[in-house]
């Protein structure tokens, strides 16, 4: 069974999508439609923008999403048996399995990006990568020990590779405690906020309003969602999980393992980069 997976923020690169635009009329139409919906030339920033310009939240998330859904649209006989996406990639996956229309999904991505940016501005916060720990429980317990600060496990990316998220002071304390506990490496990431933590609650509320006004169709195949790490086909459940995702951890390791259990024999990454392929090799290896 073929599982199609879609990357999240961080996979962007200068010049992304220009080859797609030049090779296909379908791609050209989708880029032009995206520019209309967003009210600025996303395609111009993707094709010609600097790394700094691409890092703007209002650009990054729509850019990765657009590259992913156009790439999927150009695959001949595209018939996924199952889909999944990492964080933002979950919305790309919902277009791929026909839960969401392209235009509706792009609007949600734009709302999500701006809402997350607003939440980041409210509380100084960040994330840190943790590698070489004894167990996931070890990291979770150390995070839970830090009182009066928000610090949580945010991304279960692969065995031995976790990301924690929280207030800047909380993350600093967590890094010290993790090193004292013998964890091989704990290092801050160059991100502007505590994604997938309770500090994203204001963004969750903004996104929820937009999602409740959007039509979610019955998908043609199951999506393995970040929140539940299991197959979902009920549009109402998919909606609630997509909302909860902003303040809940991304259970990527668990999702991939469940997809394998449910019959996935081939994973195809659709979108910019190959980050997910690397993680999947570590999970299934």
C-alpha atoms as a PDB file:
ATOM      1  CA  UNK A   1       0.000   0.000   0.000  1.00  0.00           C
ATOM      2  CA  UNK A   2       1.209   3.482  -0.883  1.00  0.00           C
ATOM      3  CA  UNK A   3       1.391   6.101   1.844  1.00  0.00           C
ATOM      4  CA  UNK A   4       1.882   9.703   0.733  1.00  0.00           C
ATOM      5  CA  UNK A   5       3.419  12.031   3.323  1.00  0.00           C
ATOM      6  CA  UNK A   6       3.659  15.823   3.302  1.00  0.00           C
ATOM      7  CA  UNK A   7       6.330  17.981   4.993  1.00  0.00           C
ATOM      8  CA  UNK A   8       5.877  20.942   7.298  1.00  0.00           C
ATOM      9  CA  UNK A   9       7.549  24.262   7.976  1.00  0.00           C
ATOM     10  CA  UNK A  10      11.330  24.238   7.561  1.00  0.00           C
ATOM     11  CA  UNK A  11      11.383  22.468   4.175  1.00  0.00           C
ATOM     12  CA  UNK A  12      11.304  25.719   2.184  1.00  0.00           C
ATOM     13  CA  UNK A  13      14.189  26.799  -0.076  1.00  0.00           C
ATOM     14  CA  UNK A  14      14.906  29.698  -2.426  1.00  0.00           C
ATOM     15  CA  UNK A  15      13.561  29.073  -5.926  1.00  0.00           C
ATOM     16  CA  UNK A  16      11.078  26.453  -4.734  1.00  0.00           C
ATOM     17  CA  UNK A  17       8.325  25.618  -7.194  1.00  0.00           C
ATOM     18  CA  UNK A  18       9.754  27.491 -10.183  1.00  0.00           C
ATOM     19  CA  UNK A  19      10.390  24.225 -12.035  1.00  0.00           C
ATOM     20  CA  UNK A  20       6.776  23.157 -11.405  1.00  0.00           C
ATOM     21  CA  UNK A  21       5.456  26.495 -12.669  1.00  0.00           C
ATOM     22  CA  UNK A  22       7.497  26.252 -15.873  1.00  0.00           C
ATOM     23  CA  UNK A  23       6.646  22.659 -16.699  1.00  0.00           C
ATOM     24  CA  UNK A  24       2.884  22.573 -16.195  1.00  0.00           C
ATOM     25  CA  UNK A  25      -0.205  24.588 -17.065  1.00  0.00           C
ATOM     26  CA  UNK A  26      -1.967  23.102 -14.019  1.00  0.00           C
ATOM     27  CA  UNK A  27       0.844  24.327 -11.758  1.00  0.00           C
ATOM     28  CA  UNK A  28       0.762  27.782 -13.337  1.00  0.00           C
ATOM     29  CA  UNK A  29      -2.986  28.063 -12.728  1.00  0.00           C
ATOM     30  CA  UNK A  30      -2.625  26.940  -9.087  1.00  0.00           C
ATOM     31  CA  UNK A  31       0.195  29.426  -8.412  1.00  0.00           C
ATOM     32  CA  UNK A  32      -1.841  32.252  -9.950  1.00  0.00           C
ATOM     33  CA  UNK A  33      -4.934  31.263  -7.959  1.00  0.00           C
ATOM     34  CA  UNK A  34      -2.906  31.192  -4.742  1.00  0.00           C
ATOM     35  CA  UNK A  35      -1.587  34.710  -5.400  1.00  0.00           C
ATOM     36  CA  UNK A  36      -5.201  35.903  -5.869  1.00  0.00           C
ATOM     37  CA  UNK A  37      -6.441  34.253  -2.666  1.00  0.00           C
ATOM     38  CA  UNK A  38      -3.563  35.503  -0.504  1.00  0.00           C
ATOM     39  CA  UNK A  39      -3.544  39.029  -1.894  1.00  0.00           C
ATOM     40  CA  UNK A  40       0.205  39.068  -2.540  1.00  0.00           C
ATOM     41  CA  UNK A  41       2.547  37.340  -4.976  1.00  0.00           C
ATOM     42  CA  UNK A  42       3.549  34.223  -3.057  1.00  0.00           C
ATOM     43  CA  UNK A  43       4.917  32.762  -6.293  1.00  0.00           C
ATOM     44  CA  UNK A  44       7.343  35.687  -6.719  1.00  0.00           C
ATOM     45  CA  UNK A  45       8.703  35.219  -3.184  1.00  0.00           C
ATOM     46  CA  UNK A  46       9.007  31.455  -3.714  1.00  0.00           C
ATOM     47  CA  UNK A  47      10.828  31.815  -7.049  1.00  0.00           C
ATOM     48  CA  UNK A  48      12.981  34.878  -6.337  1.00  0.00           C
ATOM     49  CA  UNK A  49      12.858  35.606  -2.594  1.00  0.00           C
ATOM     50  CA  UNK A  50      15.768  35.403  -0.168  1.00  0.00           C
ATOM     51  CA  UNK A  51      15.988  32.896   2.676  1.00  0.00           C
ATOM     52  CA  UNK A  52      14.930  35.676   5.055  1.00  0.00           C
ATOM     53  CA  UNK A  53      11.848  36.505   3.001  1.00  0.00           C
ATOM     54  CA  UNK A  54      10.898  32.838   2.819  1.00  0.00           C
ATOM     55  CA  UNK A  55      11.185  32.567   6.616  1.00  0.00           C
ATOM     56  CA  UNK A  56       8.329  35.032   7.176  1.00  0.00           C
ATOM     57  CA  UNK A  57       5.500  33.033   8.726  1.00  0.00           C
ATOM     58  CA  UNK A  58       2.880  34.418   6.323  1.00  0.00           C
ATOM     59  CA  UNK A  59       5.080  33.129   3.464  1.00  0.00           C
ATOM     60  CA  UNK A  60       6.626  29.907   4.788  1.00  0.00           C
ATOM     61  CA  UNK A  61       3.509  27.919   5.557  1.00  0.00           C
ATOM     62  CA  UNK A  62       1.583  28.777   2.351  1.00  0.00           C
ATOM     63  CA  UNK A  63       4.768  28.202   0.311  1.00  0.00           C
ATOM     64  CA  UNK A  64       5.387  24.682   1.641  1.00  0.00           C
ATOM     65  CA  UNK A  65       1.683  23.872   1.339  1.00  0.00           C
ATOM     66  CA  UNK A  66       1.458  25.149  -2.237  1.00  0.00           C
ATOM     67  CA  UNK A  67       4.572  23.275  -3.369  1.00  0.00           C
ATOM     68  CA  UNK A  68       3.197  20.084  -1.820  1.00  0.00           C
ATOM     69  CA  UNK A  69      -0.327  20.205  -3.273  1.00  0.00           C
ATOM     70  CA  UNK A  70       0.905  21.174  -6.730  1.00  0.00           C
ATOM     71  CA  UNK A  71       3.455  18.325  -6.630  1.00  0.00           C
ATOM     72  CA  UNK A  72       0.636  15.921  -5.739  1.00  0.00           C
ATOM     73  CA  UNK A  73      -1.588  17.320  -8.514  1.00  0.00           C
ATOM     74  CA  UNK A  74       1.144  16.551 -11.054  1.00  0.00           C
ATOM     75  CA  UNK A  75       1.524  12.877 -10.072  1.00  0.00           C
ATOM     76  CA  UNK A  76      -0.025  10.627 -12.727  1.00  0.00           C
ATOM     77  CA  UNK A  77      -2.782   8.318 -11.479  1.00  0.00           C
ATOM     78  CA  UNK A  78      -2.499   9.747  -7.960  1.00  0.00           C
ATOM     79  CA  UNK A  79      -4.429   7.281  -5.786  1.00  0.00           C
ATOM     80  CA  UNK A  80      -3.169   7.272  -2.197  1.00  0.00           C
ATOM     81  CA  UNK A  81      -4.057   4.352   0.052  1.00  0.00           C
ATOM     82  CA  UNK A  82      -3.296   6.504   3.107  1.00  0.00           C
ATOM     83  CA  UNK A  83      -1.868   9.962   3.798  1.00  0.00           C
ATOM     84  CA  UNK A  84      -0.195  11.872   6.629  1.00  0.00           C
ATOM     85  CA  UNK A  85       1.469  15.240   7.083  1.00  0.00           C
ATOM     86  CA  UNK A  86       3.926  16.628   9.613  1.00  0.00           C
ATOM     87  CA  UNK A  87       2.328  19.610  11.393  1.00  0.00           C
ATOM     88  CA  UNK A  88       1.437  22.053   8.569  1.00  0.00           C
ATOM     89  CA  UNK A  89       1.732  19.100   6.153  1.00  0.00           C
ATOM     90  CA  UNK A  90      -1.470  17.686   7.584  1.00  0.00           C
ATOM     91  CA  UNK A  91      -3.447  20.318   5.646  1.00  0.00           C
ATOM     92  CA  UNK A  92      -1.631  19.357   2.423  1.00  0.00           C
ATOM     93  CA  UNK A  93      -2.559  15.731   3.143  1.00  0.00           C
ATOM     94  CA  UNK A  94      -6.212  16.728   3.552  1.00  0.00           C
ATOM     95  CA  UNK A  95      -6.200  18.164   0.034  1.00  0.00           C
ATOM     96  CA  UNK A  96      -4.553  14.992  -1.273  1.00  0.00           C
ATOM     97  CA  UNK A  97      -7.291  12.761   0.156  1.00  0.00           C
ATOM     98  CA  UNK A  98     -10.021  15.207  -0.961  1.00  0.00           C
ATOM     99  CA  UNK A  99     -11.203  16.178   2.519  1.00  0.00           C
ATOM    100  CA  UNK A 100     -10.509  19.828   1.632  1.00  0.00           C
ATOM    101  CA  UNK A 101     -10.678  21.789  -1.599  1.00  0.00           C
ATOM    102  CA  UNK A 102      -7.405  23.488  -2.581  1.00  0.00           C
ATOM    103  CA  UNK A 103      -8.779  27.028  -2.186  1.00  0.00           C
ATOM    104  CA  UNK A 104     -10.337  26.334   1.224  1.00  0.00           C
ATOM    105  CA  UNK A 105      -7.175  24.656   2.472  1.00  0.00           C
ATOM    106  CA  UNK A 106      -4.966  27.560   1.371  1.00  0.00           C
ATOM    107  CA  UNK A 107      -7.187  30.001   3.268  1.00  0.00           C
ATOM    108  CA  UNK A 108      -6.871  27.818   6.387  1.00  0.00           C
ATOM    109  CA  UNK A 109      -3.079  27.694   5.995  1.00  0.00           C
ATOM    110  CA  UNK A 110      -2.963  31.491   5.796  1.00  0.00           C
ATOM    111  CA  UNK A 111      -5.140  31.872   8.902  1.00  0.00           C
ATOM    112  CA  UNK A 112      -3.019  29.269  10.723  1.00  0.00           C
ATOM    113  CA  UNK A 113       0.255  30.999   9.840  1.00  0.00           C
ATOM    114  CA  UNK A 114      -0.874  34.444  10.952  1.00  0.00           C
ATOM    115  CA  UNK A 115      -2.560  33.111  14.108  1.00  0.00           C
ATOM    116  CA  UNK A 116       0.623  31.273  15.113  1.00  0.00           C
ATOM    117  CA  UNK A 117       2.652  34.435  14.482  1.00  0.00           C
ATOM    118  CA  UNK A 118       0.298  36.410  16.752  1.00  0.00           C
ATOM    119  CA  UNK A 119       0.605  33.774  19.491  1.00  0.00           C
ATOM    120  CA  UNK A 120       4.403  33.888  19.225  1.00  0.00           C
ATOM    121  CA  UNK A 121       4.347  37.645  19.773  1.00  0.00           C
ATOM    122  CA  UNK A 122       2.334  37.329  23.001  1.00  0.00           C
ATOM    123  CA  UNK A 123       4.885  35.256  24.958  1.00  0.00           C
ATOM    124  CA  UNK A 124       8.627  34.941  24.226  1.00  0.00           C
ATOM    125  CA  UNK A 125       8.994  31.228  23.534  1.00  0.00           C
ATOM    126  CA  UNK A 126      11.040  28.702  21.590  1.00  0.00           C
ATOM    127  CA  UNK A 127      11.784  25.014  20.928  1.00  0.00           C
ATOM    128  CA  UNK A 128      14.775  22.726  21.420  1.00  0.00           C
ATOM    129  CA  UNK A 129      15.900  19.481  19.783  1.00  0.00           C
ATOM    130  CA  UNK A 130      16.744  16.639  22.171  1.00  0.00           C
ATOM    131  CA  UNK A 131      18.888  13.721  20.965  1.00  0.00           C
ATOM    132  CA  UNK A 132      20.388  10.742  22.766  1.00  0.00           C
ATOM    133  CA  UNK A 133      18.067  10.238  25.736  1.00  0.00           C
ATOM    134  CA  UNK A 134      17.270   7.049  27.651  1.00  0.00           C
ATOM    135  CA  UNK A 135      13.538   7.098  26.881  1.00  0.00           C
ATOM    136  CA  UNK A 136      10.757   9.444  25.844  1.00  0.00           C
ATOM    137  CA  UNK A 137       9.444   9.196  29.406  1.00  0.00           C
ATOM    138  CA  UNK A 138      12.767  10.545  30.691  1.00  0.00           C
ATOM    139  CA  UNK A 139      12.353  13.714  28.608  1.00  0.00           C
ATOM    140  CA  UNK A 140       8.642  14.035  29.459  1.00  0.00           C
ATOM    141  CA  UNK A 141       9.332  13.701  33.186  1.00  0.00           C
ATOM    142  CA  UNK A 142      12.069  16.345  33.134  1.00  0.00           C
ATOM    143  CA  UNK A 143       9.709  18.737  31.328  1.00  0.00           C
ATOM    144  CA  UNK A 144       6.988  18.031  33.913  1.00  0.00           C
ATOM    145  CA  UNK A 145       9.408  18.825  36.771  1.00  0.00           C
ATOM    146  CA  UNK A 146       9.728  22.447  35.632  1.00  0.00           C
ATOM    147  CA  UNK A 147       7.082  24.339  37.583  1.00  0.00           C
ATOM    148  CA  UNK A 148       5.708  27.828  36.794  1.00  0.00           C
ATOM    149  CA  UNK A 149       6.894  27.520  33.186  1.00  0.00           C
ATOM    150  CA  UNK A 150       5.420  25.867  30.084  1.00  0.00           C
ATOM    151  CA  UNK A 151       7.699  23.083  28.807  1.00  0.00           C
ATOM    152  CA  UNK A 152       6.318  20.075  26.911  1.00  0.00           C
ATOM    153  CA  UNK A 153       7.349  17.404  24.431  1.00  0.00           C
ATOM    154  CA  UNK A 154       6.157  18.795  21.078  1.00  0.00           C
ATOM    155  CA  UNK A 155       7.468  16.627  18.222  1.00  0.00           C
ATOM    156  CA  UNK A 156       8.068  12.877  18.395  1.00  0.00           C
ATOM    157  CA  UNK A 157      10.011  12.882  15.123  1.00  0.00           C
ATOM    158  CA  UNK A 158      11.881   9.551  15.215  1.00  0.00           C
ATOM    159  CA  UNK A 159      13.325   7.151  17.783  1.00  0.00           C
ATOM    160  CA  UNK A 160      15.913   9.116  19.769  1.00  0.00           C
ATOM    161  CA  UNK A 161      14.830  12.433  18.260  1.00  0.00           C
ATOM    162  CA  UNK A 162      12.399  14.612  20.197  1.00  0.00           C
ATOM    163  CA  UNK A 163      11.631  18.343  20.157  1.00  0.00           C
ATOM    164  CA  UNK A 164      10.489  20.185  23.280  1.00  0.00           C
ATOM    165  CA  UNK A 165       8.561  23.437  23.275  1.00  0.00           C
ATOM    166  CA  UNK A 166       7.867  26.183  25.818  1.00  0.00           C
ATOM    167  CA  UNK A 167       8.758  29.541  27.318  1.00  0.00           C
ATOM    168  CA  UNK A 168      12.326  30.718  26.745  1.00  0.00           C
ATOM    169  CA  UNK A 169      13.245  30.434  30.437  1.00  0.00           C
ATOM    170  CA  UNK A 170      11.522  27.066  30.680  1.00  0.00           C
ATOM    171  CA  UNK A 171      13.452  25.697  27.709  1.00  0.00           C
ATOM    172  CA  UNK A 172      16.744  27.022  29.157  1.00  0.00           C
ATOM    173  CA  UNK A 173      16.052  25.218  32.447  1.00  0.00           C
ATOM    174  CA  UNK A 174      15.010  22.045  30.597  1.00  0.00           C
ATOM    175  CA  UNK A 175      18.226  22.013  28.548  1.00  0.00           C
ATOM    176  CA  UNK A 176      20.323  22.219  31.740  1.00  0.00           C
ATOM    177  CA  UNK A 177      18.319  19.467  33.442  1.00  0.00           C
ATOM    178  CA  UNK A 178      18.506  17.218  30.381  1.00  0.00           C
ATOM    179  CA  UNK A 179      22.286  17.612  30.169  1.00  0.00           C
ATOM    180  CA  UNK A 180      22.605  16.873  33.886  1.00  0.00           C
ATOM    181  CA  UNK A 181      20.572  13.699  33.307  1.00  0.00           C
ATOM    182  CA  UNK A 182      23.094  12.540  30.694  1.00  0.00           C
ATOM    183  CA  UNK A 183      21.180  13.378  27.528  1.00  0.00           C
ATOM    184  CA  UNK A 184      23.694  13.597  24.679  1.00  0.00           C
ATOM    185  CA  UNK A 185      22.440  16.810  23.126  1.00  0.00           C
ATOM    186  CA  UNK A 186      19.774  19.441  23.786  1.00  0.00           C
ATOM    187  CA  UNK A 187      19.978  22.532  21.616  1.00  0.00           C
ATOM    188  CA  UNK A 188      17.656  25.466  20.908  1.00  0.00           C
ATOM    189  CA  UNK A 189      16.144  25.670  17.438  1.00  0.00           C
ATOM    190  CA  UNK A 190      15.987  28.876  15.351  1.00  0.00           C
ATOM    191  CA  UNK A 191      12.205  29.201  15.611  1.00  0.00           C
ATOM    192  CA  UNK A 192      10.066  32.125  16.728  1.00  0.00           C
ATOM    193  CA  UNK A 193       7.750  30.373  19.136  1.00  0.00           C
ATOM    194  CA  UNK A 194       6.615  27.354  21.136  1.00  0.00           C
ATOM    195  CA  UNK A 195       4.713  25.456  18.466  1.00  0.00           C
ATOM    196  CA  UNK A 196       2.582  22.473  19.528  1.00  0.00           C
ATOM    197  CA  UNK A 197       2.440  23.645  23.139  1.00  0.00           C
ATOM    198  CA  UNK A 198      -0.208  25.264  25.370  1.00  0.00           C
ATOM    199  CA  UNK A 199       1.320  28.643  24.443  1.00  0.00           C
ATOM    200  CA  UNK A 200      -0.382  28.265  21.039  1.00  0.00           C
ATOM    201  CA  UNK A 201      -3.849  28.433  22.645  1.00  0.00           C
ATOM    202  CA  UNK A 202      -4.662  31.878  21.137  1.00  0.00           C
ATOM    203  CA  UNK A 203      -3.799  30.506  17.683  1.00  0.00           C
ATOM    204  CA  UNK A 204      -5.886  27.396  18.286  1.00  0.00           C
ATOM    205  CA  UNK A 205      -8.938  29.564  18.956  1.00  0.00           C
ATOM    206  CA  UNK A 206      -8.384  31.633  15.789  1.00  0.00           C
ATOM    207  CA  UNK A 207      -7.892  28.535  13.653  1.00  0.00           C
ATOM    208  CA  UNK A 208     -10.949  26.835  15.162  1.00  0.00           C
ATOM    209  CA  UNK A 209     -13.202  29.683  14.009  1.00  0.00           C
ATOM    210  CA  UNK A 210     -11.931  29.340  10.439  1.00  0.00           C
ATOM    211  CA  UNK A 211     -12.160  25.539  10.452  1.00  0.00           C
ATOM    212  CA  UNK A 212     -15.771  25.557  11.674  1.00  0.00           C
ATOM    213  CA  UNK A 213     -16.673  27.766   8.695  1.00  0.00           C
ATOM    214  CA  UNK A 214     -14.982  25.415   6.203  1.00  0.00           C
ATOM    215  CA  UNK A 215     -16.513  22.373   4.493  1.00  0.00           C
ATOM    216  CA  UNK A 216     -14.736  19.096   5.292  1.00  0.00           C
ATOM    217  CA  UNK A 217     -15.698  16.265   2.927  1.00  0.00           C
ATOM    218  CA  UNK A 218     -15.509  12.518   3.484  1.00  0.00           C
ATOM    219  CA  UNK A 219     -11.968  11.573   2.383  1.00  0.00           C
ATOM    220  CA  UNK A 220     -11.125   9.004  -0.295  1.00  0.00           C
ATOM    221  CA  UNK A 221      -8.622   7.387   2.082  1.00  0.00           C
ATOM    222  CA  UNK A 222      -7.623   7.651   5.733  1.00  0.00           C
ATOM    223  CA  UNK A 223      -5.369  10.354   7.120  1.00  0.00           C
ATOM    224  CA  UNK A 224      -3.103   9.476  10.044  1.00  0.00           C
ATOM    225  CA  UNK A 225      -3.298  12.614  12.141  1.00  0.00           C
ATOM    226  CA  UNK A 226      -0.579  14.080  14.339  1.00  0.00           C
ATOM    227  CA  UNK A 227      -2.797  14.194  17.421  1.00  0.00           C
ATOM    228  CA  UNK A 228      -4.168  10.647  17.382  1.00  0.00           C
ATOM    229  CA  UNK A 229      -1.523   8.762  15.343  1.00  0.00           C
ATOM    230  CA  UNK A 230      -4.251   6.566  13.884  1.00  0.00           C
ATOM    231  CA  UNK A 231      -6.402   6.342  10.760  1.00  0.00           C
ATOM    232  CA  UNK A 232      -9.180   8.933  10.614  1.00  0.00           C
ATOM    233  CA  UNK A 233     -11.952   9.189   8.001  1.00  0.00           C
ATOM    234  CA  UNK A 234     -14.724  10.990   9.898  1.00  0.00           C
ATOM    235  CA  UNK A 235     -14.740  14.670   8.792  1.00  0.00           C
ATOM    236  CA  UNK A 236     -15.887  15.849  12.240  1.00  0.00           C
ATOM    237  CA  UNK A 237     -13.072  13.990  13.999  1.00  0.00           C
ATOM    238  CA  UNK A 238     -10.561  15.251  11.417  1.00  0.00           C
ATOM    239  CA  UNK A 239     -11.680  18.848  12.118  1.00  0.00           C
ATOM    240  CA  UNK A 240     -11.272  18.524  15.885  1.00  0.00           C
ATOM    241  CA  UNK A 241      -7.859  16.863  15.554  1.00  0.00           C
ATOM    242  CA  UNK A 242      -6.663  19.587  13.190  1.00  0.00           C
ATOM    243  CA  UNK A 243      -7.671  22.228  15.743  1.00  0.00           C
ATOM    244  CA  UNK A 244      -6.121  20.338  18.674  1.00  0.00           C
ATOM    245  CA  UNK A 245      -2.873  19.908  16.726  1.00  0.00           C
ATOM    246  CA  UNK A 246      -1.702  23.468  17.464  1.00  0.00           C
ATOM    247  CA  UNK A 247      -1.482  22.838  21.207  1.00  0.00           C
ATOM    248  CA  UNK A 248      -0.725  19.085  21.090  1.00  0.00           C
ATOM    249  CA  UNK A 249       2.407  17.125  20.191  1.00  0.00           C
ATOM    250  CA  UNK A 250       3.126  15.890  16.675  1.00  0.00           C
ATOM    251  CA  UNK A 251       3.189  12.087  17.076  1.00  0.00           C
ATOM    252  CA  UNK A 252       5.078  11.393  13.868  1.00  0.00           C
ATOM    253  CA  UNK A 253       6.928   8.287  15.095  1.00  0.00           C
ATOM    254  CA  UNK A 254       3.684   6.743  16.302  1.00  0.00           C
ATOM    255  CA  UNK A 255       1.830   7.688  13.095  1.00  0.00           C
ATOM    256  CA  UNK A 256       4.395   6.068  10.808  1.00  0.00           C
ATOM    257  CA  UNK A 257       4.482   2.905  12.934  1.00  0.00           C
ATOM    258  CA  UNK A 258       0.684   2.692  12.777  1.00  0.00           C
ATOM    259  CA  UNK A 259       0.716   3.151   9.006  1.00  0.00           C
ATOM    260  CA  UNK A 260       3.154   0.257   8.693  1.00  0.00           C
ATOM    261  CA  UNK A 261       0.958  -1.862  10.985  1.00  0.00           C
ATOM    262  CA  UNK A 262      -2.029  -1.018   8.780  1.00  0.00           C
ATOM    263  CA  UNK A 263      -0.254  -2.148   5.605  1.00  0.00           C
ATOM    264  CA  UNK A 264       1.930   0.695   4.298  1.00  0.00           C
ATOM    265  CA  UNK A 265       4.701  -0.793   2.154  1.00  0.00           C
ATOM    266  CA  UNK A 266       5.894   2.363   0.380  1.00  0.00           C
ATOM    267  CA  UNK A 267       6.223   5.927   1.688  1.00  0.00           C
ATOM    268  CA  UNK A 268       6.316   8.742  -0.888  1.00  0.00           C
ATOM    269  CA  UNK A 269       7.192  12.250   0.284  1.00  0.00           C
ATOM    270  CA  UNK A 270       5.397  14.951  -1.687  1.00  0.00           C
ATOM    271  CA  UNK A 271       6.650  18.525  -1.429  1.00  0.00           C
ATOM    272  CA  UNK A 272       9.935  20.365  -0.879  1.00  0.00           C
ATOM    273  CA  UNK A 273      12.841  18.441   0.641  1.00  0.00           C
ATOM    274  CA  UNK A 274      13.313  14.905   1.928  1.00  0.00           C
ATOM    275  CA  UNK A 275      13.178  15.436   5.713  1.00  0.00           C
ATOM    276  CA  UNK A 276      10.316  12.993   6.243  1.00  0.00           C
ATOM    277  CA  UNK A 277      12.013  10.247   4.229  1.00  0.00           C
ATOM    278  CA  UNK A 278      14.972  10.474   6.606  1.00  0.00           C
ATOM    279  CA  UNK A 279      12.735  10.270   9.662  1.00  0.00           C
ATOM    280  CA  UNK A 280      10.743   7.361   8.203  1.00  0.00           C
ATOM    281  CA  UNK A 281      13.948   5.377   7.591  1.00  0.00           C
ATOM    282  CA  UNK A 282      14.875   5.825  11.265  1.00  0.00           C
ATOM    283  CA  UNK A 283      11.368   4.824  12.394  1.00  0.00           C
ATOM    284  CA  UNK A 284      11.006   1.765  10.151  1.00  0.00           C
ATOM    285  CA  UNK A 285      14.696   0.785  10.043  1.00  0.00           C
END
